[in-house]
Amino acid sequence: MKKIALSPGDPAGIGPEICLKSLYDNSENLCNFELIGDIDFYKKLSKDLNLDLSFQNIFKREDFVTVKNISLDSEVTFGMPNVSNSKYTLDVLMTGSLGCLNKEYSALVTGPINKKIINDYGFEFSGHTEFLADISNTKNVVMLLANSKLKVALLTTHLPLSKVSESITSKKIIETTKILNDSLKKLWKIKNPKIGILGLNPHAGEGGFLGNEEIEIIEPAIRTLHQENLEIDGPISADTAFLEEKLNKYDAYLAMFHDQGLPVLKSMGFGDSVNITLGLPFTRISVDHGTAYELAGKNKADPSSFKKSMELALEFSQYERK
């Protein structure tokens, strides 16, 4: 089995810590992962965290962490983002991404990155999802957040709220829903997925009284999806979409924008959730949180989401082999 690439994210944040903790907790599966980044940095951090981990540049032993070494450009001070290490952060991510595209790796697990620091370096970066779409030349990708209770895909991702409405089209809803539907079948083995599509406006527009996007854009898309025999409901008013009886009805939801569905999902189990990029030519899974600089270097960061990401990447990679 090909290894799964681990890109911990901003070295000054909690990414490296939660990555090493997750490796320690997955000690029986170390041979399935390759950590990318500065091996000396990881050795020191592992010692500081009192983790009994050993590292190797070339895979020789199954009980060692294999590292593809990329040297830091500047010393790391935990909790202090440093633009001087932006290139390093990008190089680590690029190495994992290209490795997946070249079939060197079976999947990519990523830690949190500070978008501002990357942009301050002079590299336009709006998020992992958009970056991976560009590097893989993939036209349509979907951000999906998932935990044990709920799956929410996003029609729009990292946009100001003022730009959401103009970014919503029937074509985009159709394409996004198809990718979501196919992924539910492929990755979660759901034979006939049931998807709930949220409206954009309060009360799903209330017949046009509170906005016309539902009538003019969302409903025509749903009619097209019905014609293609997808099991879709909507547009559903977001304020009642996540009641218990509806959670049991749908395999996943499509939200119109970032903060429409994710607060509900994260309130159900922050740290239990993962971020999956659907539509790429490879599997990419990430944590559901940011760099948390206030916790960095204090051995207080909860690795649950990174650990869950690794476990799910391993599970999906095994599906790919079958």
C-alpha atoms as a PDB file:
ATOM      1  CA  MET A   1       0.000   0.000   0.000  1.00  0.00           C
ATOM      2  CA  LYS A   2       1.236   3.488  -0.872  1.00  0.00           C
ATOM      3  CA  LYS A   3       1.856   5.796   2.049  1.00  0.00           C
ATOM      4  CA  ILE A   4      -0.423   8.639   3.102  1.00  0.00           C
ATOM      5  CA  ALA A   5       1.295  12.040   3.094  1.00  0.00           C
ATOM      6  CA  LEU A   6       1.071  14.209   6.221  1.00  0.00           C
ATOM      7  CA  SER A   7       1.381  17.997   5.815  1.00  0.00           C
ATOM      8  CA  PRO A   8       1.116  19.490   9.342  1.00  0.00           C
ATOM      9  CA  GLY A   9       0.525  23.113   8.284  1.00  0.00           C
ATOM     10  CA  ASP A  10       1.936  26.252   9.903  1.00  0.00           C
ATOM     11  CA  PRO A  11       4.934  25.175  12.026  1.00  0.00           C
ATOM     12  CA  ALA A  12       4.185  27.909  14.588  1.00  0.00           C
ATOM     13  CA  GLY A  13       0.662  26.616  15.194  1.00  0.00           C
ATOM     14  CA  ILE A  14      -0.659  23.422  16.738  1.00  0.00           C
ATOM     15  CA  GLY A  15      -0.419  21.433  13.488  1.00  0.00           C
ATOM     16  CA  PRO A  16       2.945  19.757  14.156  1.00  0.00           C
ATOM     17  CA  GLU A  17       1.930  18.898  17.737  1.00  0.00           C
ATOM     18  CA  ILE A  18      -1.386  17.283  16.823  1.00  0.00           C
ATOM     19  CA  CYS A  19       0.275  15.467  13.923  1.00  0.00           C
ATOM     20  CA  LEU A  20       2.935  13.899  16.156  1.00  0.00           C
ATOM     21  CA  LYS A  21       0.382  13.037  18.839  1.00  0.00           C
ATOM     22  CA  SER A  22      -1.773  11.353  16.190  1.00  0.00           C
ATOM     23  CA  LEU A  23       1.197   9.362  14.899  1.00  0.00           C
ATOM     24  CA  TYR A  24       1.970   8.254  18.439  1.00  0.00           C
ATOM     25  CA  ASP A  25      -1.655   7.138  18.887  1.00  0.00           C
ATOM     26  CA  ASN A  26      -1.458   5.272  15.554  1.00  0.00           C
ATOM     27  CA  SER A  27       1.841   3.557  16.346  1.00  0.00           C
ATOM     28  CA  GLU A  28       0.614   0.265  14.886  1.00  0.00           C
ATOM     29  CA  ASN A  29       0.082   1.977  11.508  1.00  0.00           C
ATOM     30  CA  LEU A  30       3.226   4.138  11.231  1.00  0.00           C
ATOM     31  CA  CYS A  31       4.316   2.279   8.101  1.00  0.00           C
ATOM     32  CA  ASN A  32       1.264   3.647   6.261  1.00  0.00           C
ATOM     33  CA  PHE A  33       2.207   7.324   6.664  1.00  0.00           C
ATOM     34  CA  GLU A  34       4.990   9.644   5.543  1.00  0.00           C
ATOM     35  CA  LEU A  35       5.508  12.914   7.399  1.00  0.00           C
ATOM     36  CA  ILE A  36       6.739  15.842   5.311  1.00  0.00           C
ATOM     37  CA  GLY A  37       8.901  18.608   6.782  1.00  0.00           C
ATOM     38  CA  ASP A  38      11.956  19.328   8.910  1.00  0.00           C
ATOM     39  CA  ILE A  39      13.055  16.085  10.575  1.00  0.00           C
ATOM     40  CA  ASP A  40      15.155  17.838  13.241  1.00  0.00           C
ATOM     41  CA  PHE A  41      12.206  20.064  14.151  1.00  0.00           C
ATOM     42  CA  TYR A  42       9.990  17.001  14.523  1.00  0.00           C
ATOM     43  CA  LYS A  43      12.580  15.157  16.607  1.00  0.00           C
ATOM     44  CA  LYS A  44      12.891  18.042  19.056  1.00  0.00           C
ATOM     45  CA  LEU A  45       9.150  18.610  19.259  1.00  0.00           C
ATOM     46  CA  SER A  46       8.515  14.920  19.863  1.00  0.00           C
ATOM     47  CA  LYS A  47      10.994  14.987  22.740  1.00  0.00           C
ATOM     48  CA  ASP A  48       9.411  18.148  24.189  1.00  0.00           C
ATOM     49  CA  LEU A  49       5.992  16.469  24.039  1.00  0.00           C
ATOM     50  CA  ASN A  50       7.338  13.339  25.762  1.00  0.00           C
ATOM     51  CA  LEU A  51       6.316  11.193  22.807  1.00  0.00           C
ATOM     52  CA  ASP A  52       8.300   8.012  22.288  1.00  0.00           C
ATOM     53  CA  LEU A  53       8.689   8.369  18.528  1.00  0.00           C
ATOM     54  CA  SER A  54      11.701   7.561  16.364  1.00  0.00           C
ATOM     55  CA  PHE A  55      12.257   9.062  12.918  1.00  0.00           C
ATOM     56  CA  GLN A  56      13.913   7.903   9.692  1.00  0.00           C
ATOM     57  CA  ASN A  57      14.640   9.560   6.334  1.00  0.00           C
ATOM     58  CA  ILE A  58      14.256   6.325   4.389  1.00  0.00           C
ATOM     59  CA  PHE A  59      11.727   3.629   5.226  1.00  0.00           C
ATOM     60  CA  LYS A  60      13.524   0.755   6.927  1.00  0.00           C
ATOM     61  CA  ARG A  61      11.551   0.001  10.074  1.00  0.00           C
ATOM     62  CA  GLU A  62       7.782  -0.176  10.495  1.00  0.00           C
ATOM     63  CA  ASP A  63       7.949   1.228  14.032  1.00  0.00           C
ATOM     64  CA  PHE A  64       9.705   4.456  12.939  1.00  0.00           C
ATOM     65  CA  VAL A  65       8.109   7.598  11.497  1.00  0.00           C
ATOM     66  CA  THR A  66       9.303   8.070   7.916  1.00  0.00           C
ATOM     67  CA  VAL A  67      10.026  11.726   7.073  1.00  0.00           C
ATOM     68  CA  LYS A  68      10.510  13.366   3.691  1.00  0.00           C
ATOM     69  CA  ASN A  69      12.873  16.068   4.883  1.00  0.00           C
ATOM     70  CA  ILE A  70      12.342  19.724   3.967  1.00  0.00           C
ATOM     71  CA  SER A  71      14.354  22.184   6.038  1.00  0.00           C
ATOM     72  CA  LEU A  72      12.782  25.147   7.786  1.00  0.00           C
ATOM     73  CA  ASP A  73      13.769  28.578   6.475  1.00  0.00           C
ATOM     74  CA  SER A  74      13.662  30.214   9.899  1.00  0.00           C
ATOM     75  CA  GLU A  75      13.550  29.226  13.554  1.00  0.00           C
ATOM     76  CA  VAL A  76      10.077  28.465  14.858  1.00  0.00           C
ATOM     77  CA  THR A  77       8.604  30.314  17.818  1.00  0.00           C
ATOM     78  CA  PHE A  78       5.354  28.639  18.762  1.00  0.00           C
ATOM     79  CA  GLY A  79       2.386  30.978  18.771  1.00  0.00           C
ATOM     80  CA  MET A  80       4.213  33.534  16.605  1.00  0.00           C
ATOM     81  CA  PRO A  81       3.362  33.287  12.885  1.00  0.00           C
ATOM     82  CA  ASN A  82       6.412  34.021  10.770  1.00  0.00           C
ATOM     83  CA  VAL A  83       6.195  34.993   7.108  1.00  0.00           C
ATOM     84  CA  SER A  84       9.779  33.734   6.720  1.00  0.00           C
ATOM     85  CA  ASN A  85       8.460  30.177   7.016  1.00  0.00           C
ATOM     86  CA  SER A  86       5.605  30.659   4.532  1.00  0.00           C
ATOM     87  CA  LYS A  87       7.676  29.171   1.711  1.00  0.00           C
ATOM     88  CA  TYR A  88       8.470  26.156   3.895  1.00  0.00           C
ATOM     89  CA  THR A  89       4.773  25.665   4.666  1.00  0.00           C
ATOM     90  CA  LEU A  90       3.913  25.862   0.974  1.00  0.00           C
ATOM     91  CA  ASP A  91       6.776  23.523   0.017  1.00  0.00           C
ATOM     92  CA  VAL A  92       5.530  20.903   2.471  1.00  0.00           C
ATOM     93  CA  LEU A  93       1.987  21.171   1.110  1.00  0.00           C
ATOM     94  CA  MET A  94       3.183  21.197  -2.504  1.00  0.00           C
ATOM     95  CA  THR A  95       5.317  18.088  -1.948  1.00  0.00           C
ATOM     96  CA  GLY A  96       2.379  16.158  -0.538  1.00  0.00           C
ATOM     97  CA  SER A  97       0.016  17.378  -3.253  1.00  0.00           C
ATOM     98  CA  LEU A  98       2.334  16.594  -6.160  1.00  0.00           C
ATOM     99  CA  GLY A  99       3.146  13.242  -4.568  1.00  0.00           C
ATOM    100  CA  CYS A 100      -0.551  12.377  -4.644  1.00  0.00           C
ATOM    101  CA  LEU A 101      -0.895  13.528  -8.252  1.00  0.00           C
ATOM    102  CA  ASN A 102       2.145  11.440  -9.220  1.00  0.00           C
ATOM    103  CA  LYS A 103       0.697   8.392  -7.415  1.00  0.00           C
ATOM    104  CA  GLU A 104       3.562   8.377  -4.913  1.00  0.00           C
ATOM    105  CA  TYR A 105       1.030   8.792  -2.091  1.00  0.00           C
ATOM    106  CA  SER A 106      -2.459   7.356  -1.749  1.00  0.00           C
ATOM    107  CA  ALA A 107      -3.901  10.350   0.136  1.00  0.00           C
ATOM    108  CA  LEU A 108      -3.047  13.675   1.765  1.00  0.00           C
ATOM    109  CA  VAL A 109      -3.820  14.737   5.341  1.00  0.00           C
ATOM    110  CA  THR A 110      -3.313  18.421   6.099  1.00  0.00           C
ATOM    111  CA  GLY A 111      -3.018  20.545   9.218  1.00  0.00           C
ATOM    112  CA  PRO A 112      -4.123  24.179   9.585  1.00  0.00           C
ATOM    113  CA  ILE A 113      -2.507  27.032   7.666  1.00  0.00           C
ATOM    114  CA  ASN A 114      -2.657  30.778   8.329  1.00  0.00           C
ATOM    115  CA  LYS A 115      -3.979  32.258   5.083  1.00  0.00           C
ATOM    116  CA  LYS A 116      -2.839  35.786   5.937  1.00  0.00           C
ATOM    117  CA  ILE A 117       0.799  34.788   6.476  1.00  0.00           C
ATOM    118  CA  ILE A 118       0.869  32.942   3.151  1.00  0.00           C
ATOM    119  CA  ASN A 119      -0.619  35.948   1.353  1.00  0.00           C
ATOM    120  CA  ASP A 120       1.779  38.316   3.143  1.00  0.00           C
ATOM    121  CA  TYR A 121       4.577  36.236   1.627  1.00  0.00           C
ATOM    122  CA  GLY A 122       3.195  37.164  -1.788  1.00  0.00           C
ATOM    123  CA  PHE A 123       1.452  33.912  -2.675  1.00  0.00           C
ATOM    124  CA  GLU A 124      -2.280  34.186  -3.328  1.00  0.00           C
ATOM    125  CA  PHE A 125      -3.878  31.597  -1.064  1.00  0.00           C
ATOM    126  CA  SER A 126      -7.548  31.448  -0.104  1.00  0.00           C
ATOM    127  CA  GLY A 127      -7.465  27.953   1.375  1.00  0.00           C
ATOM    128  CA  HIS A 128      -6.380  24.344   0.916  1.00  0.00           C
ATOM    129  CA  THR A 129      -9.477  23.507  -1.133  1.00  0.00           C
ATOM    130  CA  GLU A 130      -8.861  26.181  -3.741  1.00  0.00           C
ATOM    131  CA  PHE A 131      -5.097  25.530  -3.795  1.00  0.00           C
ATOM    132  CA  LEU A 132      -5.558  21.819  -4.417  1.00  0.00           C
ATOM    133  CA  ALA A 133      -8.113  22.469  -7.153  1.00  0.00           C
ATOM    134  CA  ASP A 134      -5.616  24.744  -8.919  1.00  0.00           C
ATOM    135  CA  ILE A 135      -2.610  22.461  -8.576  1.00  0.00           C
ATOM    136  CA  SER A 136      -4.562  19.443  -9.829  1.00  0.00           C
ATOM    137  CA  ASN A 137      -6.272  21.429 -12.597  1.00  0.00           C
ATOM    138  CA  THR A 138      -9.638  20.336 -11.228  1.00  0.00           C
ATOM    139  CA  LYS A 139     -12.510  22.571 -12.277  1.00  0.00           C
ATOM    140  CA  ASN A 140     -15.065  21.552  -9.670  1.00  0.00           C
ATOM    141  CA  VAL A 141     -14.230  20.567  -6.102  1.00  0.00           C
ATOM    142  CA  VAL A 142     -16.432  20.460  -3.037  1.00  0.00           C
ATOM    143  CA  MET A 143     -15.632  21.178   0.603  1.00  0.00           C
ATOM    144  CA  LEU A 144     -17.341  18.681   2.875  1.00  0.00           C
ATOM    145  CA  LEU A 145     -17.261  18.787   6.674  1.00  0.00           C
ATOM    146  CA  ALA A 146     -18.222  15.526   8.330  1.00  0.00           C
ATOM    147  CA  ASN A 147     -18.502  13.937  11.747  1.00  0.00           C
ATOM    148  CA  SER A 148     -20.253  10.879  13.117  1.00  0.00           C
ATOM    149  CA  LYS A 149     -23.644  12.646  13.097  1.00  0.00           C
ATOM    150  CA  LEU A 150     -23.671  14.987  10.117  1.00  0.00           C
ATOM    151  CA  LYS A 151     -22.173  15.725   6.699  1.00  0.00           C
ATOM    152  CA  VAL A 152     -22.389  19.245   5.255  1.00  0.00           C
ATOM    153  CA  ALA A 153     -21.052  20.214   1.827  1.00  0.00           C
ATOM    154  CA  LEU A 154     -20.567  23.869   0.893  1.00  0.00           C
ATOM    155  CA  LEU A 155     -21.652  25.465  -2.372  1.00  0.00           C
ATOM    156  CA  THR A 156     -19.409  28.480  -1.706  1.00  0.00           C
ATOM    157  CA  THR A 157     -16.371  28.355   0.555  1.00  0.00           C
ATOM    158  CA  HIS A 158     -14.117  31.190   1.715  1.00  0.00           C
ATOM    159  CA  LEU A 159     -16.069  34.212   0.496  1.00  0.00           C
ATOM    160  CA  PRO A 160     -17.281  37.381   2.202  1.00  0.00           C
ATOM    161  CA  LEU A 161     -21.017  37.091   2.866  1.00  0.00           C
ATOM    162  CA  SER A 162     -21.621  40.060   0.557  1.00  0.00           C
ATOM    163  CA  LYS A 163     -20.383  37.997  -2.414  1.00  0.00           C
ATOM    164  CA  VAL A 164     -22.286  34.774  -1.734  1.00  0.00           C
ATOM    165  CA  SER A 165     -25.506  35.512  -3.631  1.00  0.00           C
ATOM    166  CA  GLU A 166     -23.745  36.495  -6.853  1.00  0.00           C
ATOM    167  CA  SER A 167     -21.688  33.291  -6.688  1.00  0.00           C
ATOM    168  CA  ILE A 168     -24.689  30.953  -6.591  1.00  0.00           C
ATOM    169  CA  THR A 169     -25.839  29.505  -9.922  1.00  0.00           C
ATOM    170  CA  SER A 170     -28.065  26.602 -10.918  1.00  0.00           C
ATOM    171  CA  LYS A 171     -25.142  25.046 -12.790  1.00  0.00           C
ATOM    172  CA  LYS A 172     -22.938  25.187  -9.704  1.00  0.00           C
ATOM    173  CA  ILE A 173     -25.643  23.614  -7.532  1.00  0.00           C
ATOM    174  CA  ILE A 174     -26.095  20.778 -10.041  1.00  0.00           C
ATOM    175  CA  GLU A 175     -22.359  20.099 -10.381  1.00  0.00           C
ATOM    176  CA  THR A 176     -21.719  20.285  -6.631  1.00  0.00           C
ATOM    177  CA  THR A 177     -24.626  18.000  -5.778  1.00  0.00           C
ATOM    178  CA  LYS A 178     -23.498  15.406  -8.326  1.00  0.00           C
ATOM    179  CA  ILE A 179     -19.979  15.360  -6.874  1.00  0.00           C
ATOM    180  CA  LEU A 180     -21.434  15.015  -3.369  1.00  0.00           C
ATOM    181  CA  ASN A 181     -23.780  12.241  -4.475  1.00  0.00           C
ATOM    182  CA  ASP A 182     -20.987  10.293  -6.210  1.00  0.00           C
ATOM    183  CA  SER A 183     -18.675  10.672  -3.196  1.00  0.00           C
ATOM    184  CA  LEU A 184     -21.310   9.405  -0.768  1.00  0.00           C
ATOM    185  CA  LYS A 185     -21.608   6.307  -2.929  1.00  0.00           C
ATOM    186  CA  LYS A 186     -17.878   5.784  -3.410  1.00  0.00           C
ATOM    187  CA  LEU A 187     -16.449   6.675  -0.003  1.00  0.00           C
ATOM    188  CA  TRP A 188     -19.300   5.881   2.384  1.00  0.00           C
ATOM    189  CA  LYS A 189     -20.846   3.069   0.329  1.00  0.00           C
ATOM    190  CA  ILE A 190     -24.329   4.636   0.444  1.00  0.00           C
ATOM    191  CA  LYS A 191     -26.283   3.063  -2.413  1.00  0.00           C
ATOM    192  CA  ASN A 192     -28.918   5.779  -2.896  1.00  0.00           C
ATOM    193  CA  PRO A 193     -27.850   8.950  -1.071  1.00  0.00           C
ATOM    194  CA  LYS A 194     -30.522  11.312   0.203  1.00  0.00           C
ATOM    195  CA  ILE A 195     -29.373  14.942   0.106  1.00  0.00           C
ATOM    196  CA  GLY A 196     -31.041  18.014   1.587  1.00  0.00           C
ATOM    197  CA  ILE A 197     -30.325  21.314  -0.173  1.00  0.00           C
ATOM    198  CA  LEU A 198     -30.651  24.416   1.984  1.00  0.00           C
ATOM    199  CA  GLY A 199     -32.187  27.671   0.834  1.00  0.00           C
ATOM    200  CA  LEU A 200     -30.168  30.867   0.887  1.00  0.00           C
ATOM    201  CA  ASN A 201     -32.621  33.269   2.488  1.00  0.00           C
ATOM    202  CA  PRO A 202     -34.557  33.130   5.783  1.00  0.00           C
ATOM    203  CA  HIS A 203     -37.401  30.599   5.523  1.00  0.00           C
ATOM    204  CA  ALA A 204     -36.015  29.613   2.095  1.00  0.00           C
ATOM    205  CA  GLY A 205     -37.186  32.922   0.693  1.00  0.00           C
ATOM    206  CA  GLU A 206     -40.810  32.520   1.815  1.00  0.00           C
ATOM    207  CA  GLY A 207     -42.171  32.354  -1.713  1.00  0.00           C
ATOM    208  CA  GLY A 208     -40.037  35.226  -2.943  1.00  0.00           C
ATOM    209  CA  PHE A 209     -40.980  37.634  -0.164  1.00  0.00           C
ATOM    210  CA  LEU A 210     -37.511  37.351   1.431  1.00  0.00           C
ATOM    211  CA  GLY A 211     -35.473  36.841  -1.735  1.00  0.00           C
ATOM    212  CA  ASN A 212     -35.755  35.268  -5.178  1.00  0.00           C
ATOM    213  CA  GLU A 213     -32.666  33.029  -5.255  1.00  0.00           C
ATOM    214  CA  GLU A 214     -34.702  29.974  -4.255  1.00  0.00           C
ATOM    215  CA  ILE A 215     -37.257  30.479  -7.059  1.00  0.00           C
ATOM    216  CA  GLU A 216     -34.855  31.603  -9.778  1.00  0.00           C
ATOM    217  CA  ILE A 217     -31.748  29.503  -9.044  1.00  0.00           C
ATOM    218  CA  ILE A 218     -32.112  26.744  -6.445  1.00  0.00           C
ATOM    219  CA  GLU A 219     -35.477  25.241  -7.434  1.00  0.00           C
ATOM    220  CA  PRO A 220     -34.594  24.917 -11.160  1.00  0.00           C
ATOM    221  CA  ALA A 221     -31.375  23.121 -10.169  1.00  0.00           C
ATOM    222  CA  ILE A 222     -33.303  20.711  -7.961  1.00  0.00           C
ATOM    223  CA  ARG A 223     -35.757  19.977 -10.793  1.00  0.00           C
ATOM    224  CA  THR A 224     -32.845  19.099 -13.071  1.00  0.00           C
ATOM    225  CA  LEU A 225     -31.355  16.816 -10.409  1.00  0.00           C
ATOM    226  CA  HIS A 226     -34.726  15.087  -9.995  1.00  0.00           C
ATOM    227  CA  GLN A 227     -34.794  14.460 -13.754  1.00  0.00           C
ATOM    228  CA  GLU A 228     -31.456  12.675 -13.337  1.00  0.00           C
ATOM    229  CA  ASN A 229     -32.956  10.493 -10.575  1.00  0.00           C
ATOM    230  CA  LEU A 230     -31.016  11.940  -7.637  1.00  0.00           C
ATOM    231  CA  GLU A 231     -32.824  11.831  -4.292  1.00  0.00           C
ATOM    232  CA  ILE A 232     -32.903  15.516  -3.390  1.00  0.00           C
ATOM    233  CA  ASP A 233     -35.105  17.637  -1.110  1.00  0.00           C
ATOM    234  CA  GLY A 234     -35.150  21.417  -1.022  1.00  0.00           C
ATOM    235  CA  PRO A 235     -34.800  24.226  -0.792  1.00  0.00           C
ATOM    236  CA  ILE A 236     -34.997  23.609   2.961  1.00  0.00           C
ATOM    237  CA  SER A 237     -35.189  26.486   5.422  1.00  0.00           C
ATOM    238  CA  ALA A 238     -31.847  26.443   7.231  1.00  0.00           C
ATOM    239  CA  ASP A 239     -33.333  27.298  10.628  1.00  0.00           C
ATOM    240  CA  THR A 240     -35.131  23.932  10.827  1.00  0.00           C
ATOM    241  CA  ALA A 241     -32.916  21.836   8.551  1.00  0.00           C
ATOM    242  CA  PHE A 242     -30.932  20.263  11.365  1.00  0.00           C
ATOM    243  CA  LEU A 243     -33.750  19.107  13.629  1.00  0.00           C
ATOM    244  CA  GLU A 244     -33.296  15.539  14.826  1.00  0.00           C
ATOM    245  CA  GLU A 245     -35.935  14.036  12.540  1.00  0.00           C
ATOM    246  CA  LYS A 246     -34.298  15.626   9.496  1.00  0.00           C
ATOM    247  CA  LEU A 247     -30.801  14.575  10.542  1.00  0.00           C
ATOM    248  CA  ASN A 248     -32.014  10.994  10.391  1.00  0.00           C
ATOM    249  CA  LYS A 249     -33.593  11.582   6.979  1.00  0.00           C
ATOM    250  CA  TYR A 250     -30.592  12.881   5.028  1.00  0.00           C
ATOM    251  CA  ASP A 251     -27.184  11.382   4.358  1.00  0.00           C
ATOM    252  CA  ALA A 252     -25.766  14.863   3.719  1.00  0.00           C
ATOM    253  CA  TYR A 253     -26.724  18.498   3.280  1.00  0.00           C
ATOM    254  CA  LEU A 254     -25.640  21.111   0.763  1.00  0.00           C
ATOM    255  CA  ALA A 255     -25.310  24.537   2.417  1.00  0.00           C
ATOM    256  CA  MET A 256     -25.157  27.709   0.361  1.00  0.00           C
ATOM    257  CA  PHE A 257     -22.315  29.293   2.336  1.00  0.00           C
ATOM    258  CA  HIS A 258     -19.639  28.587   4.933  1.00  0.00           C
ATOM    259  CA  ASP A 259     -21.361  29.742   8.117  1.00  0.00           C
ATOM    260  CA  GLN A 260     -24.792  28.372   7.234  1.00  0.00           C
ATOM    261  CA  GLY A 261     -24.089  24.751   8.083  1.00  0.00           C
ATOM    262  CA  LEU A 262     -20.705  24.549   9.767  1.00  0.00           C
ATOM    263  CA  PRO A 263     -21.625  26.116  13.142  1.00  0.00           C
ATOM    264  CA  VAL A 264     -24.251  23.397  13.588  1.00  0.00           C
ATOM    265  CA  LEU A 265     -21.837  20.646  12.623  1.00  0.00           C
ATOM    266  CA  LYS A 266     -19.044  21.900  14.848  1.00  0.00           C
ATOM    267  CA  SER A 267     -21.387  22.371  17.805  1.00  0.00           C
ATOM    268  CA  MET A 268     -22.212  18.676  17.554  1.00  0.00           C
ATOM    269  CA  GLY A 269     -18.611  17.639  18.048  1.00  0.00           C
ATOM    270  CA  PHE A 270     -15.774  20.088  17.553  1.00  0.00           C
ATOM    271  CA  GLY A 271     -12.656  18.001  17.102  1.00  0.00           C
ATOM    272  CA  ASP A 272     -14.707  15.009  15.973  1.00  0.00           C
ATOM    273  CA  SER A 273     -15.152  16.594  12.539  1.00  0.00           C
ATOM    274  CA  VAL A 274     -12.943  16.484   9.455  1.00  0.00           C
ATOM    275  CA  ASN A 275     -12.750  18.498   6.236  1.00  0.00           C
ATOM    276  CA  ILE A 276     -12.756  16.433   3.036  1.00  0.00           C
ATOM    277  CA  THR A 277     -12.149  17.838  -0.438  1.00  0.00           C
ATOM    278  CA  LEU A 278     -14.401  16.013  -2.894  1.00  0.00           C
ATOM    279  CA  GLY A 279     -13.819  15.927  -6.645  1.00  0.00           C
ATOM    280  CA  LEU A 280     -10.010  15.852  -6.585  1.00  0.00           C
ATOM    281  CA  PRO A 281      -8.121  13.038  -8.339  1.00  0.00           C
ATOM    282  CA  PHE A 282      -6.883  11.984  -4.884  1.00  0.00           C
ATOM    283  CA  THR A 283      -8.153  11.873  -1.306  1.00  0.00           C
ATOM    284  CA  ARG A 284      -7.493  14.928   0.857  1.00  0.00           C
ATOM    285  CA  ILE A 285      -8.676  15.183   4.462  1.00  0.00           C
ATOM    286  CA  SER A 286      -7.980  17.913   6.989  1.00  0.00           C
ATOM    287  CA  VAL A 287      -8.758  19.051  10.505  1.00  0.00           C
ATOM    288  CA  ASP A 288     -11.854  21.111  11.287  1.00  0.00           C
ATOM    289  CA  HIS A 289     -10.000  23.913  13.095  1.00  0.00           C
ATOM    290  CA  GLY A 290      -7.336  26.572  12.676  1.00  0.00           C
ATOM    291  CA  THR A 291      -3.773  27.134  13.840  1.00  0.00           C
ATOM    292  CA  ALA A 292      -4.760  27.925  17.462  1.00  0.00           C
ATOM    293  CA  TYR A 293      -1.583  29.896  18.147  1.00  0.00           C
ATOM    294  CA  GLU A 294      -2.689  30.455  21.737  1.00  0.00           C
ATOM    295  CA  LEU A 295      -2.224  26.716  22.409  1.00  0.00           C
ATOM    296  CA  ALA A 296       0.906  26.140  20.341  1.00  0.00           C
ATOM    297  CA  GLY A 297       3.964  24.869  22.185  1.00  0.00           C
ATOM    298  CA  LYS A 298       2.067  24.199  25.419  1.00  0.00           C
ATOM    299  CA  ASN A 299       1.271  20.501  24.937  1.00  0.00           C
ATOM    300  CA  LYS A 300      -2.433  21.296  25.343  1.00  0.00           C
ATOM    301  CA  ALA A 301      -3.716  20.811  21.784  1.00  0.00           C
ATOM    302  CA  ASP A 302      -6.329  18.101  21.222  1.00  0.00           C
ATOM    303  CA  PRO A 303      -5.267  15.859  18.303  1.00  0.00           C
ATOM    304  CA  SER A 304      -8.719  14.289  17.816  1.00  0.00           C
ATOM    305  CA  SER A 305      -9.510  15.875  14.444  1.00  0.00           C
ATOM    306  CA  PHE A 306      -6.065  15.141  12.956  1.00  0.00           C
ATOM    307  CA  LYS A 307      -6.224  11.596  14.279  1.00  0.00           C
ATOM    308  CA  LYS A 308      -9.695  11.160  12.774  1.00  0.00           C
ATOM    309  CA  SER A 309      -8.393  12.545   9.459  1.00  0.00           C
ATOM    310  CA  MET A 310      -5.559  10.007   9.405  1.00  0.00           C
ATOM    311  CA  GLU A 311      -7.875   7.123  10.227  1.00  0.00           C
ATOM    312  CA  LEU A 312     -10.380   8.126   7.550  1.00  0.00           C
ATOM    313  CA  ALA A 313      -7.621   8.591   4.955  1.00  0.00           C
ATOM    314  CA  LEU A 314      -6.395   5.088   5.758  1.00  0.00           C
ATOM    315  CA  GLU A 315      -9.923   3.706   5.447  1.00  0.00           C
ATOM    316  CA  PHE A 316     -10.552   5.436   2.107  1.00  0.00           C
ATOM    317  CA  SER A 317      -7.146   4.349   0.773  1.00  0.00           C
ATOM    318  CA  GLN A 318      -8.047   0.754   1.519  1.00  0.00           C
ATOM    319  CA  TYR A 319     -11.262   1.231  -0.470  1.00  0.00           C
ATOM    320  CA  GLU A 320      -9.183   2.435  -3.423  1.00  0.00           C
ATOM    321  CA  ARG A 321      -7.173  -0.803  -3.382  1.00  0.00           C
ATOM    322  CA  LYS A 322     -10.280  -2.982  -3.681  1.00  0.00           C
END
